[in-house]
Amino acid sequence: MPRETNESVAHSRVITAAAVLQQLVDLRAYPHRHLAVVAYAAGGDSISQALAAADYLGHTGWELVTVTQFGGGRTLQAIMRRR
């Protein structure tokens, strides 16, 4: 997967949980109200990674709206809304 940038995240409205947790993108300048945080992991690690990213974002003005599982359970998407 290509490296995520402020511009690519703003365009796609999607960021990986890993990028959130590693603070690779500055979401303060994100221009939209909603954001999808995607976690790719085997087993139960994707839920842990997605919720850890949601917890981190919760401290920066975002709230968790819903969580969706797809791709045979290996991929999880947390939908976030800016407060």
N, C-alpha and C. Protein backbone atom coordinates (compact mmCIF):
# COMPACT_ATOMS: atom_id res chain seq x y z
N MET A 1 0.84 -1.18 0.00
CA MET A 1 0.00 0.00 0.00
C MET A 1 0.89 1.25 0.00
N PRO A 2 0.55 2.22 -0.85
CA PRO A 2 1.35 3.45 -0.88
C PRO A 2 1.26 4.21 0.43
N ARG A 3 2.28 4.99 0.71
CA ARG A 3 2.29 5.79 1.94
C ARG A 3 1.15 6.79 1.92
N GLU A 4 0.44 6.88 3.03
CA GLU A 4 -0.68 7.81 3.13
C GLU A 4 -0.16 9.22 3.38
N THR A 5 -0.79 10.18 2.72
CA THR A 5 -0.45 11.59 2.89
C THR A 5 -1.72 12.34 3.28
N ASN A 6 -1.55 13.56 3.74
CA ASN A 6 -2.72 14.39 4.06
C ASN A 6 -3.64 14.49 2.85
N GLU A 7 -3.07 14.67 1.66
CA GLU A 7 -3.85 14.83 0.44
C GLU A 7 -4.59 13.54 0.06
N SER A 8 -3.91 12.40 0.13
CA SER A 8 -4.55 11.14 -0.26
C SER A 8 -5.68 10.77 0.71
N VAL A 9 -5.49 11.05 1.98
CA VAL A 9 -6.54 10.76 2.96
C VAL A 9 -7.73 11.69 2.75
N ALA A 10 -7.48 12.96 2.49
CA ALA A 10 -8.57 13.91 2.24
C ALA A 10 -9.35 13.52 0.99
N HIS A 11 -8.66 13.03 -0.02
CA HIS A 11 -9.31 12.65 -1.27
C HIS A 11 -10.14 11.37 -1.11
N SER A 12 -9.57 10.36 -0.47
CA SER A 12 -10.24 9.05 -0.36
C SER A 12 -11.18 8.96 0.85
N ARG A 13 -10.96 9.84 1.85
CA ARG A 13 -11.71 9.81 3.11
C ARG A 13 -11.47 8.52 3.89
N VAL A 14 -10.33 7.88 3.63
CA VAL A 14 -9.96 6.61 4.27
C VAL A 14 -8.52 6.72 4.75
N ILE A 15 -8.28 6.19 5.95
CA ILE A 15 -6.93 6.11 6.50
C ILE A 15 -6.80 4.74 7.17
N THR A 16 -5.61 4.19 7.17
CA THR A 16 -5.41 2.93 7.87
C THR A 16 -5.24 3.18 9.36
N ALA A 17 -5.62 2.20 10.14
CA ALA A 17 -5.44 2.30 11.59
C ALA A 17 -3.96 2.43 11.92
N ALA A 18 -3.13 1.74 11.16
CA ALA A 18 -1.68 1.82 11.39
C ALA A 18 -1.18 3.25 11.21
N ALA A 19 -1.66 3.95 10.19
CA ALA A 19 -1.23 5.34 9.97
C ALA A 19 -1.70 6.25 11.10
N VAL A 20 -2.89 5.99 11.63
CA VAL A 20 -3.38 6.78 12.77
C VAL A 20 -2.49 6.54 13.98
N LEU A 21 -2.24 5.27 14.28
CA LEU A 21 -1.47 4.92 15.48
C LEU A 21 -0.01 5.36 15.39
N GLN A 22 0.52 5.41 14.17
CA GLN A 22 1.90 5.87 13.98
C GLN A 22 1.97 7.38 13.74
N GLN A 23 0.81 8.03 13.74
CA GLN A 23 0.68 9.48 13.55
C GLN A 23 1.38 9.93 12.26
N LEU A 24 1.10 9.21 11.16
CA LEU A 24 1.72 9.52 9.88
C LEU A 24 1.03 10.65 9.13
N VAL A 25 -0.23 10.93 9.48
CA VAL A 25 -1.01 11.96 8.80
C VAL A 25 -1.55 12.93 9.85
N ASP A 26 -1.50 14.21 9.55
CA ASP A 26 -2.03 15.24 10.44
C ASP A 26 -3.50 15.48 10.07
N LEU A 27 -4.41 14.96 10.88
CA LEU A 27 -5.85 15.06 10.58
C LEU A 27 -6.46 16.39 11.01
N ARG A 28 -5.68 17.27 11.60
CA ARG A 28 -6.22 18.58 11.98
C ARG A 28 -6.67 19.37 10.76
N ALA A 29 -6.02 19.14 9.62
CA ALA A 29 -6.38 19.86 8.40
C ALA A 29 -7.35 19.06 7.52
N TYR A 30 -7.82 17.91 8.00
CA TYR A 30 -8.74 17.08 7.22
C TYR A 30 -10.02 17.87 6.96
N PRO A 31 -10.47 18.00 5.69
CA PRO A 31 -11.55 18.91 5.36
C PRO A 31 -12.97 18.36 5.49
N HIS A 32 -13.13 17.11 5.87
CA HIS A 32 -14.46 16.49 5.91
C HIS A 32 -14.87 16.15 7.34
N ARG A 33 -16.14 15.89 7.53
CA ARG A 33 -16.64 15.57 8.87
C ARG A 33 -16.49 14.08 9.20
N HIS A 34 -16.58 13.21 8.20
CA HIS A 34 -16.51 11.77 8.43
C HIS A 34 -15.22 11.18 7.84
N LEU A 35 -14.75 10.10 8.47
CA LEU A 35 -13.51 9.45 8.08
C LEU A 35 -13.64 7.96 8.35
N ALA A 36 -13.19 7.14 7.40
CA ALA A 36 -13.16 5.69 7.59
C ALA A 36 -11.74 5.29 7.99
N VAL A 37 -11.65 4.54 9.08
CA VAL A 37 -10.36 4.01 9.55
C VAL A 37 -10.39 2.51 9.29
N VAL A 38 -9.48 2.04 8.45
CA VAL A 38 -9.48 0.64 8.03
C VAL A 38 -8.32 -0.10 8.70
N ALA A 39 -8.63 -1.26 9.25
CA ALA A 39 -7.61 -2.10 9.89
C ALA A 39 -7.56 -3.44 9.16
N TYR A 40 -6.37 -3.81 8.72
CA TYR A 40 -6.14 -5.09 8.05
C TYR A 40 -5.29 -5.94 8.96
N ALA A 41 -5.82 -7.06 9.41
CA ALA A 41 -5.04 -7.94 10.28
C ALA A 41 -5.68 -9.31 10.33
N ALA A 42 -4.88 -10.29 10.65
CA ALA A 42 -5.38 -11.66 10.79
C ALA A 42 -6.00 -11.85 12.17
N GLY A 43 -6.97 -12.72 12.25
CA GLY A 43 -7.59 -13.05 13.53
C GLY A 43 -8.29 -11.86 14.15
N GLY A 44 -8.21 -11.75 15.46
CA GLY A 44 -8.88 -10.67 16.17
C GLY A 44 -8.07 -9.39 16.25
N ASP A 45 -6.91 -9.37 15.62
CA ASP A 45 -6.06 -8.18 15.70
C ASP A 45 -6.66 -6.97 15.00
N SER A 46 -7.50 -7.18 13.98
CA SER A 46 -8.05 -6.03 13.26
C SER A 46 -8.99 -5.23 14.16
N ILE A 47 -9.78 -5.91 15.00
CA ILE A 47 -10.68 -5.18 15.91
C ILE A 47 -9.86 -4.39 16.93
N SER A 48 -8.82 -4.99 17.44
CA SER A 48 -7.97 -4.29 18.41
C SER A 48 -7.32 -3.07 17.79
N GLN A 49 -6.82 -3.23 16.56
CA GLN A 49 -6.15 -2.13 15.88
C GLN A 49 -7.14 -1.01 15.55
N ALA A 50 -8.32 -1.36 15.04
CA ALA A 50 -9.32 -0.34 14.68
C ALA A 50 -9.80 0.41 15.92
N LEU A 51 -10.05 -0.30 17.00
CA LEU A 51 -10.53 0.37 18.21
C LEU A 51 -9.43 1.18 18.89
N ALA A 52 -8.19 0.74 18.79
CA ALA A 52 -7.09 1.55 19.33
C ALA A 52 -6.98 2.86 18.56
N ALA A 53 -7.14 2.80 17.24
CA ALA A 53 -7.12 4.02 16.43
C ALA A 53 -8.31 4.91 16.77
N ALA A 54 -9.49 4.31 16.98
CA ALA A 54 -10.67 5.09 17.36
C ALA A 54 -10.47 5.75 18.72
N ASP A 55 -9.87 5.04 19.66
CA ASP A 55 -9.58 5.62 20.98
C ASP A 55 -8.62 6.80 20.85
N TYR A 56 -7.58 6.62 20.04
CA TYR A 56 -6.63 7.72 19.83
C TYR A 56 -7.34 8.93 19.23
N LEU A 57 -8.13 8.70 18.20
CA LEU A 57 -8.83 9.81 17.54
C LEU A 57 -9.86 10.44 18.47
N GLY A 58 -10.41 9.67 19.40
CA GLY A 58 -11.36 10.21 20.37
C GLY A 58 -10.77 11.31 21.22
N HIS A 59 -9.46 11.26 21.43
CA HIS A 59 -8.78 12.30 22.20
C HIS A 59 -8.45 13.53 21.37
N THR A 60 -8.72 13.44 20.06
CA THR A 60 -8.39 14.56 19.17
C THR A 60 -9.62 15.15 18.48
N GLY A 61 -10.81 14.91 19.07
CA GLY A 61 -12.02 15.54 18.54
C GLY A 61 -12.88 14.69 17.63
N TRP A 62 -12.65 13.38 17.59
CA TRP A 62 -13.44 12.48 16.76
C TRP A 62 -14.23 11.53 17.64
N GLU A 63 -15.37 11.05 17.11
CA GLU A 63 -16.15 10.04 17.83
C GLU A 63 -16.45 8.88 16.91
N LEU A 64 -16.52 7.70 17.47
CA LEU A 64 -16.81 6.47 16.73
C LEU A 64 -18.29 6.43 16.41
N VAL A 65 -18.64 6.22 15.13
CA VAL A 65 -20.03 6.12 14.71
C VAL A 65 -20.45 4.65 14.62
N THR A 66 -19.65 3.85 13.91
CA THR A 66 -19.97 2.43 13.74
C THR A 66 -18.72 1.67 13.32
N VAL A 67 -18.79 0.36 13.46
CA VAL A 67 -17.70 -0.52 13.04
C VAL A 67 -18.30 -1.59 12.14
N THR A 68 -17.65 -1.84 11.00
CA THR A 68 -18.12 -2.83 10.04
C THR A 68 -16.99 -3.79 9.73
N GLN A 69 -17.34 -5.07 9.66
CA GLN A 69 -16.35 -6.10 9.35
C GLN A 69 -16.62 -6.60 7.93
N PHE A 70 -15.56 -6.79 7.14
CA PHE A 70 -15.73 -7.31 5.79
C PHE A 70 -14.47 -8.05 5.37
N GLY A 71 -14.51 -8.65 4.21
CA GLY A 71 -13.35 -9.39 3.72
C GLY A 71 -13.10 -10.66 4.50
N GLY A 72 -14.16 -11.37 4.87
CA GLY A 72 -13.99 -12.60 5.62
C GLY A 72 -13.52 -12.37 7.04
N GLY A 73 -13.74 -11.18 7.57
CA GLY A 73 -13.39 -10.90 8.94
C GLY A 73 -11.97 -10.40 9.14
N ARG A 74 -11.18 -10.32 8.09
CA ARG A 74 -9.79 -9.86 8.21
C ARG A 74 -9.67 -8.35 8.16
N THR A 75 -10.70 -7.70 7.67
CA THR A 75 -10.66 -6.25 7.52
C THR A 75 -11.81 -5.63 8.30
N LEU A 76 -11.50 -4.59 9.01
CA LEU A 76 -12.49 -3.90 9.83
C LEU A 76 -12.45 -2.42 9.47
N GLN A 77 -13.61 -1.81 9.44
CA GLN A 77 -13.70 -0.39 9.13
C GLN A 77 -14.43 0.32 10.26
N ALA A 78 -13.78 1.30 10.85
CA ALA A 78 -14.39 2.13 11.89
C ALA A 78 -14.73 3.48 11.27
N ILE A 79 -16.00 3.85 11.31
CA ILE A 79 -16.42 5.14 10.77
C ILE A 79 -16.39 6.15 11.90
N MET A 80 -15.66 7.23 11.67
CA MET A 80 -15.47 8.27 12.67
C MET A 80 -16.16 9.56 12.21
N ARG A 81 -16.60 10.35 13.18
CA ARG A 81 -17.22 11.66 12.89
C ARG A 81 -16.53 12.69 13.77
N ARG A 82 -16.19 13.81 13.13
CA ARG A 82 -15.57 14.90 13.89
C ARG A 82 -16.66 15.56 14.75
N ARG A 83 -16.32 15.80 16.03
CA ARG A 83 -17.30 16.44 16.93
C ARG A 83 -17.40 17.91 16.66
